[in-house]
């Protein structure tokens, strides 16, 4: 998931985030970030379903017009 980011880089990023945001704000930011990611994934799943449904209805319409 993280590609070429190693453990040392994650520790450095975490330390910088802790210094910038502080220990009280960091859990709130993590929660907000996870909710945003969850919402983004849900939107992608919904758009995939809508696109699939639209393509199926177009296929059905094309088959009906050929008859």
N, C-alpha and C. Protein backbone atom coordinates (compact mmCIF):
# COMPACT_ATOMS: atom_id res chain seq x y z
N UNK A 1 0.82 -1.19 0.00
CA UNK A 1 0.00 0.00 0.00
C UNK A 1 0.86 1.25 0.00
N UNK A 2 1.94 1.23 0.76
CA UNK A 2 2.76 2.42 0.89
C UNK A 2 3.86 2.48 -0.15
N UNK A 3 3.96 1.50 -1.00
CA UNK A 3 4.96 1.53 -2.04
C UNK A 3 6.36 1.41 -1.49
N UNK A 4 7.18 2.41 -1.73
CA UNK A 4 8.58 2.35 -1.31
C UNK A 4 8.83 3.04 0.03
N UNK A 5 7.78 3.39 0.76
CA UNK A 5 7.96 4.02 2.07
C UNK A 5 8.29 2.93 3.08
N UNK A 6 9.42 3.10 3.76
CA UNK A 6 9.86 2.11 4.73
C UNK A 6 9.43 2.48 6.14
N UNK A 7 9.83 1.64 7.08
CA UNK A 7 9.46 1.85 8.48
C UNK A 7 10.08 3.14 9.02
N UNK A 8 11.32 3.43 8.66
CA UNK A 8 11.98 4.64 9.15
C UNK A 8 11.24 5.89 8.68
N UNK A 9 10.82 5.90 7.42
CA UNK A 9 10.09 7.06 6.90
C UNK A 9 8.76 7.24 7.63
N UNK A 10 8.06 6.13 7.91
CA UNK A 10 6.79 6.22 8.63
C UNK A 10 6.99 6.77 10.04
N UNK A 11 8.08 6.36 10.70
CA UNK A 11 8.37 6.87 12.04
C UNK A 11 8.66 8.36 11.99
N UNK A 12 9.42 8.80 11.00
CA UNK A 12 9.74 10.22 10.87
C UNK A 12 8.49 11.03 10.59
N UNK A 13 7.64 10.55 9.69
CA UNK A 13 6.39 11.25 9.37
C UNK A 13 5.50 11.32 10.60
N UNK A 14 5.42 10.23 11.36
CA UNK A 14 4.61 10.22 12.58
C UNK A 14 5.15 11.20 13.61
N UNK A 15 6.46 11.27 13.77
CA UNK A 15 7.06 12.19 14.73
C UNK A 15 6.79 13.64 14.33
N UNK A 16 6.90 13.94 13.05
CA UNK A 16 6.63 15.31 12.59
C UNK A 16 5.17 15.66 12.81
N UNK A 17 4.27 14.73 12.50
CA UNK A 17 2.84 14.98 12.72
C UNK A 17 2.55 15.19 14.20
N UNK A 18 3.20 14.44 15.06
CA UNK A 18 3.01 14.59 16.50
C UNK A 18 3.50 15.95 16.97
N UNK A 19 4.61 16.40 16.44
CA UNK A 19 5.15 17.72 16.82
C UNK A 19 4.23 18.83 16.32
N UNK A 20 3.75 18.72 15.09
CA UNK A 20 2.93 19.79 14.50
C UNK A 20 1.55 19.85 15.15
N UNK A 21 0.88 18.72 15.29
CA UNK A 21 -0.51 18.73 15.74
C UNK A 21 -0.68 18.47 17.23
N UNK A 22 0.29 17.88 17.87
CA UNK A 22 0.20 17.61 19.29
C UNK A 22 -0.53 16.32 19.57
N UNK A 23 -0.34 15.79 20.78
CA UNK A 23 -0.92 14.49 21.11
C UNK A 23 -2.44 14.51 21.27
N UNK A 24 -3.03 15.66 21.55
CA UNK A 24 -4.49 15.69 21.73
C UNK A 24 -5.22 15.80 20.41
N UNK A 25 -4.64 16.47 19.45
CA UNK A 25 -5.30 16.68 18.16
C UNK A 25 -5.09 15.52 17.19
N UNK A 26 -4.03 14.77 17.36
CA UNK A 26 -3.67 13.71 16.43
C UNK A 26 -4.73 12.61 16.31
N UNK A 27 -5.32 12.11 17.40
CA UNK A 27 -6.38 11.09 17.25
C UNK A 27 -7.60 11.62 16.50
N UNK A 28 -7.94 12.88 16.71
CA UNK A 28 -9.07 13.48 15.98
C UNK A 28 -8.77 13.54 14.49
N UNK A 29 -7.55 13.90 14.15
CA UNK A 29 -7.17 13.96 12.74
C UNK A 29 -7.18 12.57 12.10
N UNK A 30 -6.73 11.58 12.84
CA UNK A 30 -6.76 10.20 12.33
C UNK A 30 -8.18 9.73 12.08
N UNK A 31 -9.07 10.05 13.01
CA UNK A 31 -10.47 9.66 12.86
C UNK A 31 -11.09 10.36 11.65
N UNK A 32 -10.83 11.65 11.52
CA UNK A 32 -11.37 12.40 10.38
C UNK A 32 -10.83 11.86 9.06
N UNK A 33 -9.56 11.53 9.04
CA UNK A 33 -8.95 11.00 7.83
C UNK A 33 -9.55 9.65 7.46
N UNK A 34 -9.75 8.79 8.46
CA UNK A 34 -10.33 7.48 8.16
C UNK A 34 -11.78 7.60 7.68
N UNK A 35 -12.53 8.54 8.24
CA UNK A 35 -13.91 8.76 7.78
C UNK A 35 -13.92 9.29 6.35
N UNK A 36 -12.98 10.17 6.03
CA UNK A 36 -12.90 10.70 4.67
C UNK A 36 -12.55 9.61 3.67
N UNK A 37 -11.61 8.75 4.03
CA UNK A 37 -11.22 7.65 3.15
C UNK A 37 -12.39 6.69 2.96
N UNK A 38 -13.09 6.39 4.05
CA UNK A 38 -14.25 5.50 3.98
C UNK A 38 -15.32 6.09 3.06
N UNK A 39 -15.59 7.39 3.20
CA UNK A 39 -16.57 8.04 2.34
C UNK A 39 -16.15 8.04 0.88
N UNK A 40 -14.87 8.25 0.64
CA UNK A 40 -14.35 8.24 -0.72
C UNK A 40 -14.50 6.86 -1.35
N UNK A 41 -14.18 5.81 -0.60
CA UNK A 41 -14.34 4.45 -1.12
C UNK A 41 -15.80 4.13 -1.39
N UNK A 42 -16.69 4.60 -0.51
CA UNK A 42 -18.11 4.35 -0.70
C UNK A 42 -18.62 5.07 -1.96
N UNK A 43 -18.13 6.29 -2.19
CA UNK A 43 -18.53 7.02 -3.39
C UNK A 43 -18.03 6.33 -4.65
N UNK A 44 -16.83 5.81 -4.61
CA UNK A 44 -16.29 5.08 -5.77
C UNK A 44 -17.12 3.83 -6.04
N UNK A 45 -17.45 3.08 -4.98
CA UNK A 45 -18.27 1.88 -5.15
C UNK A 45 -19.63 2.22 -5.74
N UNK A 46 -20.24 3.30 -5.25
CA UNK A 46 -21.55 3.70 -5.76
C UNK A 46 -21.46 4.13 -7.22
N UNK A 47 -20.40 4.86 -7.58
CA UNK A 47 -20.27 5.28 -8.97
C UNK A 47 -20.05 4.08 -9.89
N UNK A 48 -19.31 3.08 -9.41
CA UNK A 48 -19.13 1.86 -10.21
C UNK A 48 -20.46 1.16 -10.43
N UNK A 49 -21.29 1.10 -9.40
CA UNK A 49 -22.60 0.46 -9.53
C UNK A 49 -23.48 1.22 -10.50
N UNK A 50 -23.45 2.56 -10.44
CA UNK A 50 -24.27 3.37 -11.34
C UNK A 50 -23.80 3.19 -12.78
N UNK A 51 -22.48 3.20 -12.99
CA UNK A 51 -21.96 3.01 -14.35
C UNK A 51 -22.32 1.63 -14.89
N UNK A 52 -22.24 0.61 -14.07
CA UNK A 52 -22.60 -0.73 -14.49
C UNK A 52 -24.08 -0.81 -14.83
N UNK A 53 -24.91 -0.19 -14.01
CA UNK A 53 -26.36 -0.19 -14.25
C UNK A 53 -26.69 0.54 -15.55
N UNK A 54 -26.02 1.69 -15.78
CA UNK A 54 -26.26 2.44 -17.01
C UNK A 54 -25.82 1.67 -18.24
N UNK A 55 -24.69 0.99 -18.15
CA UNK A 55 -24.22 0.23 -19.31
C UNK A 55 -25.14 -0.96 -19.59
N UNK A 56 -25.69 -1.57 -18.54
CA UNK A 56 -26.63 -2.67 -18.73
C UNK A 56 -27.92 -2.17 -19.36
N UNK A 57 -28.39 -0.99 -18.95
CA UNK A 57 -29.63 -0.47 -19.52
C UNK A 57 -29.42 -0.06 -20.98
N UNK A 58 -28.23 0.44 -21.32
CA UNK A 58 -27.94 0.77 -22.72
C UNK A 58 -27.89 -0.49 -23.56
N UNK A 59 -27.30 -1.55 -23.03
CA UNK A 59 -27.23 -2.81 -23.75
C UNK A 59 -28.63 -3.36 -23.99
N UNK A 60 -29.48 -3.28 -22.99
CA UNK A 60 -30.86 -3.74 -23.12
C UNK A 60 -31.61 -2.90 -24.14
N UNK A 61 -31.39 -1.58 -24.12
CA UNK A 61 -32.06 -0.69 -25.06
C UNK A 61 -31.59 -0.97 -26.49
N UNK A 62 -30.31 -1.23 -26.67
CA UNK A 62 -29.78 -1.53 -28.00
C UNK A 62 -30.33 -2.85 -28.52
N UNK A 63 -30.46 -3.84 -27.66
CA UNK A 63 -31.02 -5.12 -28.07
C UNK A 63 -32.49 -4.98 -28.42
N UNK A 64 -33.22 -4.15 -27.70
CA UNK A 64 -34.64 -3.93 -27.97
C UNK A 64 -34.84 -3.21 -29.30
N UNK A 65 -33.94 -2.27 -29.61
CA UNK A 65 -34.09 -1.52 -30.85
C UNK A 65 -33.76 -2.37 -32.08
N UNK A 66 -32.96 -3.40 -31.90
CA UNK A 66 -32.61 -4.29 -33.01
C UNK A 66 -33.77 -5.20 -33.39
N UNK A 67 -34.68 -5.41 -32.44
CA UNK A 67 -35.82 -6.29 -32.72
C UNK A 67 -36.82 -5.53 -33.48
